[in-house]
Amino acid sequence: MNITFHGAARAVTGSCYMVEVAGKRILVDCGLQQGRDEIDNGALAFDASSIDYILVTHAHIDHSGRIPLLVKQGFTGRVFATRLTGDLLSIMLRDSAHIQESDTEWKNQKAKRAGNPLEEPLYTIDDAVRAAEMIETFEYKQMIPLFDGAKFRFIDAGHLLGSAYVELWLSENGNQRKIVFSGDIGNVDQPIIRDPEFLTDADYVVMESTYGDRNHGAVSKMNNLAKDYAEELSVIIQKTFDAGGNVVIPSFAVGRTQELLYAIREMKENNMVKNHGDFMVCVDSPLASEATRVFSGDLRGYLDEEAREVLREGSALFTFPGFMTTSNTDESKQLNMDPTPKVIISASGMCDAGRVRHHLKHNLWRSESAIVFAGYQAEGTLGRQLLDGRESVKLFGEKIAVKASIHNLRGLSSHADRDHLLAWIEHFNPKPNHVFVAHGDFEVTEIFANTLRERGFSAHAPLYTEVYDLIENKKVQDGILIEKEKAKERSESAAFVDLKSNATELLEYIQDHKGSSNKDLRKLNKQLEKLLNAWKTEK
């Protein structure tokens, strides 16, 4: 009876945990690695065909995005999720596959010109469709037998509509153990969804630690967070519109976009932005538009009381005067051709893909515009670079100055903060035999594990591929400190990173003008080549 950590180990994305019991293999989540966490999403450390079951905590792609890859590599088992998670997965996995295919097509166009080998997408839309067909859905608290030796149920995690903890009961050779997987633990008092539930008993807990080193801080003195977000966002919109700029919100298509629309509806109903009429709010993301339709469907058993009251009064949760969606890329492009100030909500939430990058290209250099982040930005992502104060970024091969105002709605987080994580784990009585701290930045997982140890818990932050015996309560195989983290520990200075980036861009430019007879350019070319070769040798 073992657990092996195949993702989100000293990292904040790529959740994937394998439980082996009674000759069966169960995966809890199988997500894509993103940002600085990303190593090789295609290199699974296990045989996909050996997996019997996948239990999905929620639909976010860092918890589900490699399921089509498993299908591509031979997985033929069963996939379990809550009803709403199943609905969302059917669209999110197809969208992820579309991104994989599009990115590969773009890379291969460059590879052909350079005479380099072509790549295959991580998986295709056909793989995603087959994965969606395998999903079986259940309601919260419904006990589900897997086989003789395992049963589970989903409990509301309050992170996203349909999100869940997994309670997993295991039995092998007369030994019984219960292990709880937190998935992502939700923030309290979020609009639309209910607060996360508490659990009280487990032998082992695998818990997230995204904000394990800090709290979100007070948003305002009002009780209703939807009103809080509306108030904070309305101030930004007012100032930006008065200056003639756009408000661009990079947003996760599922969950965060709908929360923003809910808050903007509140804002409009109370006329919180003056002198701009029914200003335009555009959701420019096909996935977000589809997800919003799912969120507008049968939500019995998922909504909080305030959202139910809005529906009882006959109002729509996510639409209002001035709201629109785009249906194609031409409409998306037109948003930046129209000078009328507007709010553009577009994916991806961390700015690493999707249409939002085009909107950033057209608005980052405008001092009158504003970029508003409304969710966690992993290290290594473009979103984190902007929050960290980068003065310029590169988009579509072009250097873009960052002149727009950058804002972070810190209170608008779907993750529990440090104090709420501690409140959640401290409800377990007696304390678990051991707590595995996962799903957090490299340093944060250890900080939070140490915090738990100071409070009397047995806890540690496992490494990638670490194996732990759940009967003997001990580690039986050391994990791996992945190369990305080793590279991080070498601590390149920010100045050197910028120098490397600038040198690379200059070299590419010069190489595109090799026909020039300018001696200075040829001399500079040689100097840059030496610089980059020296850097490669050092690395």
Protein backbone atom coordinates (compact mmCIF):
# COMPACT_ATOMS: atom_id res chain seq x y z
CA MET A 1 0.00 0.00 0.00
CA ASN A 2 2.06 2.90 -1.33
CA ILE A 3 1.68 6.46 -2.57
CA THR A 4 4.01 7.92 -5.19
CA PHE A 5 4.23 11.63 -5.99
CA HIS A 6 4.22 12.19 -9.75
CA GLY A 7 3.41 15.90 -9.77
CA ALA A 8 2.96 19.07 -7.69
CA ALA A 9 5.87 17.83 -5.53
CA ARG A 10 7.74 20.97 -4.43
CA ALA A 11 5.84 22.62 -7.28
CA VAL A 12 2.48 24.36 -7.65
CA THR A 13 1.18 22.69 -10.82
CA GLY A 14 0.90 19.22 -12.31
CA SER A 15 -0.94 17.48 -9.46
CA CYS A 16 -0.63 13.71 -9.86
CA TYR A 17 -0.53 11.12 -7.08
CA MET A 18 -0.50 7.35 -7.52
CA VAL A 19 -1.91 5.01 -4.88
CA GLU A 20 -1.12 1.30 -5.19
CA VAL A 21 -3.26 -1.11 -3.19
CA ALA A 22 -4.46 -4.71 -3.59
CA GLY A 23 -2.78 -5.00 -6.99
CA LYS A 24 -4.54 -1.89 -8.39
CA ARG A 25 -3.28 1.55 -9.31
CA ILE A 26 -5.32 4.68 -8.61
CA LEU A 27 -4.35 8.16 -9.77
CA VAL A 28 -5.69 11.18 -7.95
CA ASP A 29 -5.49 13.94 -10.59
CA CYS A 30 -3.18 14.02 -13.59
CA GLY A 31 -2.50 17.66 -14.38
CA LEU A 32 -0.27 19.64 -16.71
CA GLN A 33 2.87 21.22 -15.33
CA GLN A 34 3.08 24.93 -16.09
CA GLY A 35 5.43 27.86 -15.73
CA ARG A 36 8.68 27.20 -13.87
CA ASP A 37 7.37 23.76 -12.82
CA GLU A 38 7.31 22.50 -16.39
CA ILE A 39 9.87 19.84 -17.24
CA ASP A 40 8.52 17.39 -19.80
CA ASN A 41 4.79 16.88 -19.62
CA GLY A 42 5.07 13.97 -22.01
CA ALA A 43 7.54 12.00 -19.90
CA LEU A 44 5.36 10.03 -17.50
CA ALA A 45 7.27 8.09 -14.86
CA PHE A 46 4.76 5.23 -15.04
CA ASP A 47 3.04 3.09 -17.66
CA ALA A 48 -0.27 4.74 -18.57
CA SER A 49 -1.82 1.36 -19.38
CA SER A 50 -1.14 0.18 -15.81
CA ILE A 51 -3.54 2.74 -14.29
CA ASP A 52 -6.94 1.34 -13.33
CA TYR A 53 -8.74 4.46 -12.05
CA ILE A 54 -8.38 8.25 -12.06
CA LEU A 55 -10.14 10.36 -9.43
CA VAL A 56 -10.30 14.03 -10.47
CA THR A 57 -10.59 16.65 -7.73
CA HIS A 58 -11.63 19.44 -10.12
CA ALA A 59 -11.48 20.61 -13.71
CA HIS A 60 -8.56 23.04 -13.66
CA ILE A 61 -5.98 21.98 -16.21
CA ASP A 62 -3.12 21.70 -13.70
CA HIS A 63 -5.14 18.88 -12.14
CA SER A 64 -6.63 17.28 -15.25
CA GLY A 65 -4.63 18.32 -18.32
CA ARG A 66 -2.60 15.14 -18.83
CA ILE A 67 -5.56 12.74 -18.80
CA PRO A 68 -5.75 12.79 -22.64
CA LEU A 69 -2.03 11.99 -22.68
CA LEU A 70 -2.74 8.89 -20.60
CA VAL A 71 -5.40 7.89 -23.11
CA LYS A 72 -2.95 8.45 -25.96
CA GLN A 73 -0.40 6.23 -24.18
CA GLY A 74 -2.77 3.35 -23.49
CA PHE A 75 -4.97 4.15 -20.48
CA THR A 76 -8.27 2.26 -20.74
CA GLY A 77 -9.54 2.54 -17.16
CA ARG A 78 -12.27 4.61 -15.54
CA VAL A 79 -12.33 8.32 -14.68
CA PHE A 80 -14.44 9.63 -11.79
CA ALA A 81 -15.48 13.22 -11.02
CA THR A 82 -18.38 15.23 -9.62
CA ARG A 83 -21.21 16.03 -12.01
CA LEU A 84 -20.18 19.63 -12.66
CA THR A 85 -16.49 18.74 -12.91
CA GLY A 86 -17.42 16.20 -15.58
CA ASP A 87 -19.32 18.85 -17.54
CA LEU A 88 -16.38 21.25 -17.37
CA LEU A 89 -13.78 18.61 -18.22
CA SER A 90 -15.55 17.79 -21.46
CA ILE A 91 -14.83 21.31 -22.73
CA MET A 92 -11.53 22.02 -20.94
CA LEU A 93 -9.72 18.93 -22.20
CA ARG A 94 -10.78 19.68 -25.78
CA ASP A 95 -9.56 23.26 -25.36
CA SER A 96 -6.24 22.07 -23.94
CA ALA A 97 -5.84 19.69 -26.89
CA HIS A 98 -6.53 22.54 -29.31
CA ILE A 99 -3.75 24.54 -27.65
CA GLN A 100 -1.38 21.56 -27.88
CA GLU A 101 -2.11 21.15 -31.59
CA SER A 102 -1.88 24.88 -32.36
CA ASP A 103 1.39 25.34 -30.47
CA THR A 104 2.92 22.35 -32.20
CA GLU A 105 1.83 23.61 -35.62
CA TRP A 106 3.48 26.98 -34.91
CA LYS A 107 6.71 25.32 -33.68
CA ASN A 108 6.80 23.05 -36.70
CA GLN A 109 6.52 25.99 -39.08
CA LYS A 110 9.68 27.40 -37.53
CA ALA A 111 11.32 23.94 -37.50
CA LYS A 112 10.69 23.47 -41.22
CA ARG A 113 12.31 26.80 -42.05
CA ALA A 114 15.30 25.90 -39.88
CA GLY A 115 15.57 22.34 -41.19
CA ASN A 116 14.96 20.91 -37.71
CA PRO A 117 12.97 17.76 -36.80
CA LEU A 118 9.21 18.17 -36.43
CA GLU A 119 7.36 17.64 -33.16
CA GLU A 120 4.10 15.90 -32.28
CA PRO A 121 1.48 17.54 -30.05
CA LEU A 122 1.35 16.27 -26.50
CA TYR A 123 -2.09 14.95 -27.42
CA THR A 124 -4.83 15.65 -29.94
CA ILE A 125 -8.47 16.65 -29.82
CA ASP A 126 -9.36 13.02 -30.59
CA ASP A 127 -7.45 11.95 -27.46
CA ALA A 128 -9.34 14.55 -25.42
CA VAL A 129 -12.70 13.42 -26.78
CA ARG A 130 -11.90 9.80 -25.89
CA ALA A 131 -10.85 10.90 -22.39
CA ALA A 132 -14.11 12.81 -21.89
CA GLU A 133 -16.09 9.73 -22.90
CA MET A 134 -14.50 7.78 -20.04
CA ILE A 135 -15.71 10.16 -17.32
CA GLU A 136 -18.32 8.90 -14.83
CA THR A 137 -19.88 11.49 -12.52
CA PHE A 138 -21.26 11.42 -9.00
CA GLU A 139 -22.66 13.84 -6.43
CA TYR A 140 -20.98 15.05 -3.25
CA LYS A 141 -20.90 12.55 -0.33
CA GLN A 142 -21.98 9.62 -2.49
CA MET A 143 -19.92 6.59 -1.42
CA ILE A 144 -18.42 4.83 -4.45
CA PRO A 145 -16.89 1.33 -4.27
CA LEU A 146 -13.93 0.91 -6.63
CA PHE A 147 -12.99 -2.72 -5.96
CA ASP A 148 -12.51 -5.08 -3.05
CA GLY A 149 -9.97 -2.97 -1.19
CA ALA A 150 -10.92 0.61 -2.05
CA LYS A 151 -13.86 3.01 -1.89
CA PHE A 152 -14.08 6.79 -2.04
CA ARG A 153 -16.32 9.83 -1.94
CA PHE A 154 -16.13 13.48 -2.99
CA ILE A 155 -16.58 16.32 -0.46
CA ASP A 156 -17.11 19.99 -1.42
CA ALA A 157 -13.73 21.79 -1.45
CA GLY A 158 -15.19 25.26 -2.14
CA HIS A 159 -12.52 26.09 -4.74
CA LEU A 160 -14.48 25.89 -8.00
CA LEU A 161 -17.97 24.75 -8.86
CA GLY A 162 -17.70 20.96 -8.67
CA SER A 163 -14.34 20.92 -6.88
CA ALA A 164 -13.82 18.24 -4.26
CA TYR A 165 -11.61 16.63 -1.69
CA VAL A 166 -11.19 12.90 -2.13
CA GLU A 167 -11.70 10.63 0.87
CA LEU A 168 -10.16 7.28 -0.03
CA TRP A 169 -10.53 4.18 2.15
CA LEU A 170 -7.98 1.41 1.47
CA SER A 171 -7.70 -2.20 2.60
CA GLU A 172 -4.93 -4.72 2.01
CA ASN A 173 -4.03 -7.93 3.89
CA GLY A 174 -6.13 -6.92 6.86
CA ASN A 175 -4.68 -3.39 7.02
CA GLN A 176 -7.07 -0.46 6.67
CA ARG A 177 -6.00 3.12 5.99
CA LYS A 178 -7.84 6.30 5.08
CA ILE A 179 -6.12 8.96 3.01
CA VAL A 180 -7.55 12.39 2.17
CA PHE A 181 -6.50 14.39 -0.88
CA SER A 182 -7.35 18.06 -0.45
CA GLY A 183 -7.17 18.99 -4.12
CA ASP A 184 -7.31 22.79 -3.98
CA ILE A 185 -8.87 24.09 -0.77
CA GLY A 186 -11.15 27.03 -1.43
CA ASN A 187 -11.13 30.51 0.01
CA VAL A 188 -13.98 31.51 2.33
CA ASP A 189 -16.84 33.87 1.45
CA GLN A 190 -16.28 33.56 -2.27
CA PRO A 191 -19.10 34.62 -4.58
CA ILE A 192 -21.23 31.90 -6.19
CA ILE A 193 -19.82 28.82 -4.45
CA ARG A 194 -20.13 27.48 -0.94
CA ASP A 195 -17.36 27.62 1.65
CA PRO A 196 -15.09 24.58 1.83
CA GLU A 197 -16.22 21.85 4.19
CA PHE A 198 -14.07 20.54 7.02
CA LEU A 199 -13.05 16.93 7.50
CA THR A 200 -12.13 15.42 10.84
CA ASP A 201 -10.47 12.04 10.38
CA ALA A 202 -7.75 10.48 8.23
CA ASP A 203 -4.62 8.40 8.63
CA TYR A 204 -2.86 10.43 5.94
CA VAL A 205 -3.53 13.78 4.26
CA VAL A 206 -2.11 15.11 1.00
CA MET A 207 -2.79 18.84 1.14
CA GLU A 208 -2.11 21.85 -1.01
CA SER A 209 0.01 24.78 0.16
CA THR A 210 -0.32 27.40 -2.60
CA TYR A 211 -0.54 30.24 -0.07
CA GLY A 212 1.10 28.36 2.78
CA ASP A 213 3.45 31.24 3.58
CA ARG A 214 1.05 34.19 3.55
CA ASN A 215 -2.48 35.48 4.00
CA HIS A 216 -4.61 37.28 1.44
CA GLY A 217 -5.19 40.26 3.73
CA ALA A 218 -8.38 42.19 4.29
CA VAL A 219 -10.25 43.28 1.20
CA SER A 220 -12.64 45.68 2.90
CA LYS A 221 -14.92 45.85 5.89
CA MET A 222 -17.95 44.61 3.95
CA ASN A 223 -19.10 41.07 4.48
CA ASN A 224 -19.93 40.27 0.86
CA LEU A 225 -16.78 39.61 -1.12
CA ALA A 226 -18.58 40.02 -4.44
CA LYS A 227 -19.25 43.60 -3.37
CA ASP A 228 -15.63 43.94 -2.24
CA TYR A 229 -14.31 42.88 -5.63
CA ALA A 230 -16.82 45.14 -7.36
CA GLU A 231 -15.69 48.10 -5.27
CA GLU A 232 -11.97 47.54 -5.83
CA LEU A 233 -12.36 46.79 -9.52
CA SER A 234 -14.71 49.74 -10.08
CA VAL A 235 -12.03 52.17 -8.86
CA ILE A 236 -9.55 50.75 -11.39
CA ILE A 237 -12.11 50.80 -14.21
CA GLN A 238 -13.18 54.36 -13.40
CA LYS A 239 -9.62 55.71 -13.47
CA THR A 240 -8.71 53.77 -16.62
CA PHE A 241 -11.84 54.73 -18.57
CA ASP A 242 -11.46 58.38 -17.56
CA ALA A 243 -7.96 58.25 -19.09
CA GLY A 244 -9.28 56.59 -22.26
CA GLY A 245 -7.66 53.18 -21.77
CA ASN A 246 -8.76 49.55 -21.67
CA VAL A 247 -8.86 47.26 -18.65
CA VAL A 248 -7.39 43.88 -19.58
CA ILE A 249 -7.99 41.05 -17.12
CA PRO A 250 -6.04 37.83 -17.74
CA SER A 251 -8.39 35.31 -16.23
CA PHE A 252 -8.74 31.59 -15.79
CA ALA A 253 -11.58 30.64 -18.09
CA VAL A 254 -13.29 28.37 -15.59
CA GLY A 255 -14.28 29.78 -12.23
CA ARG A 256 -12.44 33.08 -12.09
CA THR A 257 -14.09 34.54 -15.21
CA GLN A 258 -17.54 33.76 -13.83
CA GLU A 259 -16.67 35.30 -10.45
CA LEU A 260 -15.56 38.48 -12.21
CA LEU A 261 -18.77 38.64 -14.24
CA TYR A 262 -20.76 38.14 -11.03
CA ALA A 263 -18.88 41.06 -9.42
CA ILE A 264 -19.28 43.32 -12.48
CA ARG A 265 -23.02 42.61 -12.49
CA GLU A 266 -23.04 43.87 -8.89
CA MET A 267 -20.99 46.89 -9.97
CA LYS A 268 -23.39 47.80 -12.77
CA GLU A 269 -26.51 47.31 -10.70
CA ASN A 270 -25.14 49.85 -8.20
CA ASN A 271 -23.83 52.31 -10.82
CA MET A 272 -20.31 52.14 -9.37
CA VAL A 273 -18.61 53.41 -12.57
CA LYS A 274 -19.76 56.93 -13.41
CA ASN A 275 -20.06 58.71 -16.77
CA HIS A 276 -19.44 55.69 -18.99
CA GLY A 277 -22.95 54.33 -19.43
CA ASP A 278 -23.36 50.61 -19.97
CA PHE A 279 -19.68 50.15 -20.71
CA MET A 280 -18.62 47.11 -22.69
CA VAL A 281 -17.37 44.00 -20.93
CA CYS A 282 -16.12 41.36 -23.34
CA VAL A 283 -15.22 37.78 -22.55
CA ASP A 284 -12.73 36.95 -25.29
CA SER A 285 -12.19 33.25 -24.71
CA PRO A 286 -14.14 30.44 -26.37
CA LEU A 287 -13.47 28.22 -23.36
CA ALA A 288 -14.68 30.85 -20.89
CA SER A 289 -17.85 31.36 -22.94
CA GLU A 290 -18.57 27.61 -22.93
CA ALA A 291 -17.79 27.38 -19.22
CA THR A 292 -20.13 30.27 -18.48
CA ARG A 293 -22.92 28.37 -20.21
CA VAL A 294 -22.17 25.36 -17.97
CA PHE A 295 -22.24 27.64 -14.93
CA SER A 296 -25.64 28.89 -16.05
CA GLY A 297 -27.12 25.38 -16.16
CA ASP A 298 -28.27 22.99 -13.44
CA LEU A 299 -26.34 24.11 -10.36
CA ARG A 300 -28.45 22.45 -7.70
CA GLY A 301 -26.21 21.33 -4.86
CA TYR A 302 -23.35 23.67 -5.79
CA LEU A 303 -24.35 27.33 -5.24
CA ASP A 304 -24.11 29.39 -2.07
CA GLU A 305 -27.18 31.06 -0.58
CA GLU A 306 -26.55 34.51 -2.07
CA ALA A 307 -26.28 33.16 -5.61
CA ARG A 308 -29.47 31.17 -5.09
CA GLU A 309 -31.18 34.37 -3.94
CA VAL A 310 -30.10 36.19 -7.13
CA LEU A 311 -31.71 33.41 -9.16
CA ARG A 312 -34.87 33.48 -7.06
CA GLU A 313 -35.19 37.21 -7.80
CA GLY A 314 -35.10 36.40 -11.52
CA SER A 315 -31.69 37.88 -12.29
CA ALA A 316 -29.02 36.17 -14.36
CA LEU A 317 -25.79 35.42 -12.50
CA PHE A 318 -23.33 36.34 -15.24
CA THR A 319 -24.97 38.65 -17.81
CA PHE A 320 -25.87 42.34 -17.81
CA PRO A 321 -26.18 45.32 -20.21
CA GLY A 322 -22.96 45.81 -22.16
CA PHE A 323 -21.86 42.18 -21.85
CA MET A 324 -20.62 40.42 -24.98
CA THR A 325 -18.53 37.46 -26.07
CA THR A 326 -16.44 36.95 -29.17
CA SER A 327 -17.12 34.06 -31.51
CA ASN A 328 -14.01 34.18 -33.72
CA THR A 329 -10.51 35.65 -33.99
CA ASP A 330 -11.66 38.50 -36.22
CA GLU A 331 -13.99 39.75 -33.48
CA SER A 332 -11.14 39.34 -30.99
CA LYS A 333 -8.84 41.50 -33.13
CA GLN A 334 -11.54 44.13 -33.57
CA LEU A 335 -11.55 44.76 -29.81
CA ASN A 336 -8.15 46.44 -30.11
CA MET A 337 -9.15 48.38 -33.23
CA ASP A 338 -12.11 49.99 -31.46
CA PRO A 339 -10.93 53.05 -29.42
CA THR A 340 -13.87 52.89 -26.99
CA PRO A 341 -12.63 52.05 -23.46
CA LYS A 342 -13.72 48.56 -22.45
CA VAL A 343 -13.06 45.67 -20.09
CA ILE A 344 -11.51 42.65 -21.81
CA ILE A 345 -11.51 39.38 -19.88
CA SER A 346 -9.39 36.80 -21.66
CA ALA A 347 -7.50 33.57 -21.02
CA SER A 348 -5.03 32.32 -20.05
CA GLY A 349 -4.95 33.48 -16.46
CA MET A 350 -1.14 33.37 -16.24
CA CYS A 351 -0.67 34.91 -19.73
CA ASP A 352 1.33 31.98 -21.06
CA ALA A 353 -1.06 31.18 -23.93
CA GLY A 354 -4.31 32.24 -25.51
CA ARG A 355 -5.80 35.46 -26.81
CA VAL A 356 -4.86 37.51 -23.77
CA ARG A 357 -1.31 37.76 -25.08
CA HIS A 358 -2.59 39.71 -28.11
CA HIS A 359 -4.47 42.08 -25.82
CA LEU A 360 -1.35 42.57 -23.73
CA LYS A 361 0.63 43.35 -26.87
CA HIS A 362 -1.85 46.10 -27.76
CA ASN A 363 -2.26 47.53 -24.25
CA LEU A 364 0.87 47.02 -22.15
CA TRP A 365 2.66 49.96 -23.78
CA ARG A 366 -0.29 52.32 -23.20
CA SER A 367 0.03 54.25 -19.94
CA GLU A 368 -3.71 54.92 -19.97
CA SER A 369 -4.56 51.19 -19.90
CA ALA A 370 -4.60 48.83 -16.93
CA ILE A 371 -3.79 45.13 -16.52
CA VAL A 372 -5.63 43.50 -13.63
CA PHE A 373 -4.59 40.10 -12.29
CA ALA A 374 -7.25 38.15 -10.49
CA GLY A 375 -5.54 34.89 -9.62
CA TYR A 376 -2.33 33.13 -8.69
CA GLN A 377 0.66 33.68 -10.99
CA ALA A 378 3.17 30.83 -10.90
CA GLU A 379 6.88 31.56 -11.04
CA GLY A 380 8.23 31.57 -14.56
CA THR A 381 4.98 32.77 -16.14
CA LEU A 382 4.51 36.04 -17.98
CA GLY A 383 1.91 37.05 -15.41
CA ARG A 384 4.44 36.71 -12.58
CA GLN A 385 6.99 38.74 -14.55
CA LEU A 386 4.50 41.58 -14.91
CA LEU A 387 3.57 41.47 -11.23
CA ASP A 388 7.26 41.48 -10.33
CA GLY A 389 7.72 44.77 -12.17
CA ARG A 390 9.34 43.89 -15.49
CA GLU A 391 9.86 47.03 -17.54
CA SER A 392 9.48 45.22 -20.85
CA VAL A 393 8.44 41.79 -22.09
CA LYS A 394 8.65 39.95 -25.39
CA LEU A 395 5.42 39.04 -27.16
CA PHE A 396 5.26 37.46 -30.61
CA GLY A 397 8.91 38.29 -31.23
CA GLU A 398 8.46 41.96 -30.33
CA LYS A 399 9.75 43.81 -27.29
CA ILE A 400 6.84 45.55 -25.55
CA ALA A 401 7.39 48.29 -22.96
CA VAL A 402 5.30 47.95 -19.81
CA LYS A 403 3.68 51.36 -19.33
CA ALA A 404 0.16 50.26 -18.31
CA SER A 405 -0.70 50.20 -14.64
CA ILE A 406 -0.48 46.69 -13.14
CA HIS A 407 -2.95 45.65 -10.45
CA ASN A 408 -3.42 42.52 -8.38
CA LEU A 409 -6.80 41.79 -6.80
CA ARG A 410 -5.21 39.90 -3.93
CA GLY A 411 -8.49 39.15 -2.21
CA LEU A 412 -9.85 37.52 -5.33
CA SER A 413 -8.29 34.12 -4.82
CA SER A 414 -10.00 30.76 -4.98
CA HIS A 415 -7.29 29.24 -2.77
CA ALA A 416 -7.31 29.24 1.02
CA ASP A 417 -4.58 31.38 2.55
CA ARG A 418 -2.17 30.29 5.30
CA ASP A 419 -4.55 30.78 8.22
CA HIS A 420 -7.41 28.98 6.48
CA LEU A 421 -5.12 26.11 5.46
CA LEU A 422 -4.13 25.75 9.10
CA ALA A 423 -7.76 25.91 10.23
CA TRP A 424 -8.60 23.16 7.73
CA ILE A 425 -5.88 20.72 8.83
CA GLU A 426 -6.43 21.43 12.51
CA HIS A 427 -9.99 20.11 12.26
CA PHE A 428 -8.52 16.61 11.98
CA ASN A 429 -8.80 15.04 15.42
CA PRO A 430 -6.77 13.04 16.21
CA LYS A 431 -3.95 14.36 14.05
CA PRO A 432 -3.18 12.25 10.94
CA ASN A 433 -0.26 9.85 11.06
CA HIS A 434 1.42 12.05 8.47
CA VAL A 435 0.68 15.08 6.27
CA PHE A 436 2.21 15.36 2.80
CA VAL A 437 2.55 19.02 1.81
CA ALA A 438 2.24 19.48 -1.95
CA HIS A 439 0.97 21.92 -4.60
CA GLY A 440 3.07 24.92 -3.60
CA ASP A 441 6.13 26.77 -4.84
CA PHE A 442 9.43 25.09 -4.03
CA GLU A 443 10.19 27.13 -0.89
CA VAL A 444 6.56 27.43 0.23
CA THR A 445 5.97 23.69 0.57
CA GLU A 446 8.84 23.40 3.04
CA ILE A 447 7.82 26.56 4.90
CA PHE A 448 4.31 25.22 5.38
CA ALA A 449 5.52 21.73 6.29
CA ASN A 450 7.72 23.32 8.96
CA THR A 451 4.74 25.34 10.22
CA LEU A 452 2.79 22.09 10.61
CA ARG A 453 5.67 20.43 12.45
CA GLU A 454 5.80 23.38 14.86
CA ARG A 455 2.11 22.74 15.57
CA GLY A 456 2.68 19.09 16.40
CA PHE A 457 1.94 17.44 13.03
CA SER A 458 4.15 14.85 11.40
CA ALA A 459 4.66 16.45 7.99
CA HIS A 460 7.06 16.86 5.09
CA ALA A 461 7.13 18.12 1.49
CA PRO A 462 7.80 15.10 -0.77
CA LEU A 463 9.97 15.23 -3.87
CA TYR A 464 9.05 14.09 -7.37
CA THR A 465 8.71 10.24 -7.62
CA GLU A 466 9.08 9.78 -3.86
CA VAL A 467 7.38 6.60 -2.62
CA TYR A 468 5.81 6.31 0.83
CA ASP A 469 4.55 3.11 2.52
CA LEU A 470 1.11 3.79 4.02
CA ILE A 471 1.12 0.67 6.20
CA GLU A 472 4.59 1.13 7.68
CA ASN A 473 4.28 4.95 7.72
CA LYS A 474 7.70 5.55 6.21
CA LYS A 475 9.40 6.67 3.03
CA VAL A 476 10.68 3.73 1.00
CA GLN A 477 12.13 5.53 -2.02
CA ASP A 478 13.72 8.95 -2.23
CA GLY A 479 12.39 11.43 -4.71
CA ILE A 480 14.18 13.52 -7.31
CA LEU A 481 15.10 17.18 -7.10
CA ILE A 482 14.10 18.07 -10.64
CA GLU A 483 16.58 19.91 -12.84
CA LYS A 484 14.45 23.03 -13.03
CA GLU A 485 14.81 23.40 -9.27
CA LYS A 486 18.55 22.70 -9.41
CA ALA A 487 18.83 25.45 -11.99
CA LYS A 488 16.88 27.75 -9.69
CA GLU A 489 19.24 27.04 -6.81
CA ARG A 490 22.12 28.29 -8.93
CA SER A 491 20.30 31.61 -8.60
CA GLU A 492 20.96 33.48 -11.81
CA SER A 493 20.68 37.19 -11.09
CA ALA A 494 17.81 39.09 -12.69
CA ALA A 495 20.35 41.29 -14.46
CA PHE A 496 22.04 38.28 -16.06
CA VAL A 497 18.70 36.83 -17.16
CA ASP A 498 17.88 40.13 -18.85
CA LEU A 499 21.34 40.27 -20.43
CA LYS A 500 20.95 36.77 -21.82
CA SER A 501 17.50 37.58 -23.19
CA ASN A 502 18.61 40.82 -24.80
CA ALA A 503 21.71 39.20 -26.29
CA THR A 504 19.59 36.43 -27.77
CA GLU A 505 17.19 38.90 -29.35
CA LEU A 506 20.04 40.98 -30.79
CA LEU A 507 21.74 37.93 -32.23
CA GLU A 508 18.51 36.79 -33.89
CA TYR A 509 18.11 40.25 -35.41
CA ILE A 510 21.66 40.35 -36.71
CA GLN A 511 21.45 36.87 -38.16
CA ASP A 512 18.37 37.97 -40.11
CA HIS A 513 20.53 40.71 -41.74
CA LYS A 514 23.62 38.70 -42.63
CA GLY A 515 23.72 40.25 -46.10
CA SER A 516 24.70 43.59 -44.60
CA SER A 517 28.24 44.81 -45.25
CA ASN A 518 28.35 46.83 -42.05
CA LYS A 519 31.58 45.86 -40.28
CA ASP A 520 30.27 46.96 -36.92
CA LEU A 521 27.32 44.59 -37.19
CA ARG A 522 29.59 41.68 -38.08
CA LYS A 523 31.86 42.51 -35.16
CA LEU A 524 28.91 42.73 -32.78
CA ASN A 525 27.61 39.43 -34.13
CA LYS A 526 30.87 37.70 -33.16
CA GLN A 527 30.86 39.29 -29.72
CA LEU A 528 27.31 38.14 -29.05
CA GLU A 529 28.07 34.63 -30.24
CA LYS A 530 30.98 34.47 -27.80
CA LEU A 531 28.75 35.75 -25.00
CA LEU A 532 26.07 33.15 -25.61
CA ASN A 533 28.61 30.34 -26.01
CA ALA A 534 30.20 31.34 -22.72
CA TRP A 535 26.78 31.30 -21.05
CA LYS A 536 25.97 27.85 -22.47
CA THR A 537 29.33 26.51 -21.26
CA GLU A 538 28.71 27.92 -17.78
CA LYS A 539 25.26 26.31 -17.68
